[in-house]
Protein backbone atom coordinates (compact mmCIF):
# COMPACT_ATOMS: atom_id res chain seq x y z
CA MET A 1 13.59 11.05 19.72
CA ILE A 2 10.83 13.62 19.17
CA ASP A 3 12.00 17.22 19.33
CA GLU A 4 8.67 18.96 19.05
CA PHE A 5 4.93 18.48 18.56
CA VAL A 6 3.16 20.95 16.28
CA LYS A 7 -0.57 21.57 16.68
CA VAL A 8 -2.59 21.89 13.47
CA THR A 9 -6.31 22.39 12.86
CA ASP A 10 -8.66 19.99 11.08
CA ARG A 11 -9.35 22.71 8.55
CA SER A 12 -5.70 23.30 7.69
CA SER A 13 -5.03 19.55 7.54
CA ALA A 14 -7.87 19.00 5.08
CA HIS A 15 -6.76 21.91 2.91
CA ARG A 16 -3.14 20.71 2.94
CA ALA A 17 -4.20 17.19 1.87
CA ARG A 18 -6.24 18.67 -0.98
CA GLN A 19 -3.30 20.86 -1.98
CA LEU A 20 -0.98 17.83 -2.09
CA ALA A 21 -3.47 16.06 -4.36
CA LYS A 22 -3.91 19.06 -6.63
CA LYS A 23 -0.31 20.26 -6.91
CA GLU A 24 1.76 17.14 -6.30
CA GLY A 25 -0.56 14.36 -7.43
CA LEU A 26 -0.43 12.72 -4.00
CA LEU A 27 -3.80 11.39 -2.90
CA VAL A 28 -3.20 11.46 0.86
CA GLY A 29 -5.48 11.27 3.87
CA TYR A 30 -6.20 13.53 6.81
CA SER A 31 -3.21 12.45 8.90
CA SER A 32 -0.82 12.95 6.02
CA GLY A 33 -2.29 16.40 5.46
CA SER A 34 -1.71 17.13 9.15
CA SER A 35 1.88 15.98 8.90
CA MET A 36 2.64 18.25 5.95
CA GLN A 37 0.74 21.16 7.48
CA ALA A 38 3.00 20.93 10.52
CA VAL A 39 6.06 21.11 8.26
CA PHE A 40 4.68 24.22 6.57
CA GLN A 41 4.02 25.81 9.97
CA ILE A 42 7.63 25.37 11.12
CA LYS A 43 9.33 26.14 7.79
CA GLU A 44 10.44 29.59 8.97
CA GLN A 45 12.31 28.02 11.89
CA LEU A 46 14.34 25.69 9.67
CA LYS A 47 17.90 26.39 8.69
CA PRO A 48 19.84 25.02 5.72
CA GLY A 49 21.01 21.56 6.63
CA ASP A 50 18.10 20.82 9.00
CA VAL A 51 16.43 17.46 8.49
CA VAL A 52 12.67 17.06 8.82
CA VAL A 53 10.95 13.70 8.84
CA ALA A 54 7.26 13.86 7.97
CA LEU A 55 5.35 10.60 7.99
CA MET A 56 2.52 10.07 5.51
CA PRO A 57 0.54 7.34 7.28
CA ASP A 58 -2.64 7.23 5.19
CA HIS A 59 -3.88 7.42 1.63
CA GLY A 60 -6.79 9.49 0.43
CA SER A 61 -9.08 6.82 -0.99
CA ARG A 62 -10.91 6.61 2.34
CA TYR A 63 -11.51 10.36 2.26
CA ILE A 64 -13.01 10.78 -1.22
CA GLY A 65 -16.41 11.44 0.36
CA LYS A 66 -14.97 13.76 2.98
CA ILE A 67 -11.96 16.03 2.49
CA TYR A 68 -12.05 15.58 -1.30
CA ASN A 69 -15.77 16.37 -1.42
CA ASP A 70 -16.55 20.09 -1.65
CA ASP A 71 -20.04 19.63 -0.21
CA TRP A 72 -18.67 17.88 2.89
CA MET A 73 -15.98 20.56 3.26
CA ARG A 74 -18.67 23.26 3.15
CA LEU A 75 -20.78 21.44 5.76
CA GLN A 76 -17.75 21.39 8.04
CA GLY A 77 -17.19 25.11 7.46
CA PHE A 78 -13.86 24.41 5.75
CA LEU A 79 -14.89 25.95 2.41
CA GLY A 80 -16.78 29.12 1.65
CA VAL A 81 -19.49 29.34 -0.96
CA GLN A 82 -17.98 28.85 -4.39
CA HIS A 83 -19.25 28.64 -7.92
CA PRO A 84 -20.71 25.19 -8.47
CA THR A 85 -18.25 22.82 -10.12
CA SER A 86 -18.68 19.24 -11.08
CA GLN A 87 -17.40 16.92 -8.37
CA TYR A 88 -16.60 14.42 -11.12
CA ASP A 89 -14.37 16.97 -12.89
CA ASN A 90 -12.59 17.60 -9.60
CA PHE A 91 -11.87 13.91 -9.03
CA LYS A 92 -10.94 13.42 -12.66
CA ARG A 93 -8.35 16.22 -12.44
CA ILE A 94 -6.90 14.84 -9.20
CA TYR A 95 -6.80 11.31 -10.62
CA LYS A 96 -5.00 12.41 -13.80
CA SER A 97 -2.42 14.28 -11.74
CA TYR A 98 -1.92 11.21 -9.54
CA VAL A 99 -1.48 8.95 -12.59
CA ARG A 100 1.13 11.32 -14.10
CA LYS A 101 3.14 11.34 -10.86
CA TYR A 102 2.91 7.55 -10.55
CA ARG A 103 4.07 7.02 -14.15
CA ARG A 104 7.07 9.30 -13.54
CA TYR A 105 7.86 7.35 -10.39
CA LEU A 106 7.73 4.06 -12.28
CA LYS A 107 9.85 5.47 -15.09
CA ASN A 108 12.51 6.70 -12.64
CA PHE A 109 12.87 3.19 -11.27
CA SER A 110 12.47 1.46 -14.64
CA ILE A 111 9.36 -0.37 -13.48
CA SER A 112 6.72 -1.28 -16.07
C-alpha cells in the first residue's frame, strides 16, 4: 500500500544521484536519485521507528553522458558556471569510490 507520493524536480533528482555517487560510491540513475531525493524531502516528518522503503530501480551507467556530465548539467541549467575541471578526473574519482564500496560489500559477505 502506498501512503504518499512525493514530487521532486529533475534538477534535485540529478543532484541527488551525483551526491550518492560522490559520497556513497553508488553509481545510480535518474530514478534512483528521485527516490532518494523524496526521502530527503520527507525526513523531517519521520519519527524514530518509522520505516521507509526507497527503491533504486536504475544504475548510472546509462547516465554517464547526462547527469554525470557537467557540460550536460550546465546545458540543462542544473549547474552554474564553475571552474573547468577534467571530466575524466570526475569519473575517475566516482569510479574509485564505487570500487571501494563494492570491495567492502564483497568483503562483508566473504565473496572473492
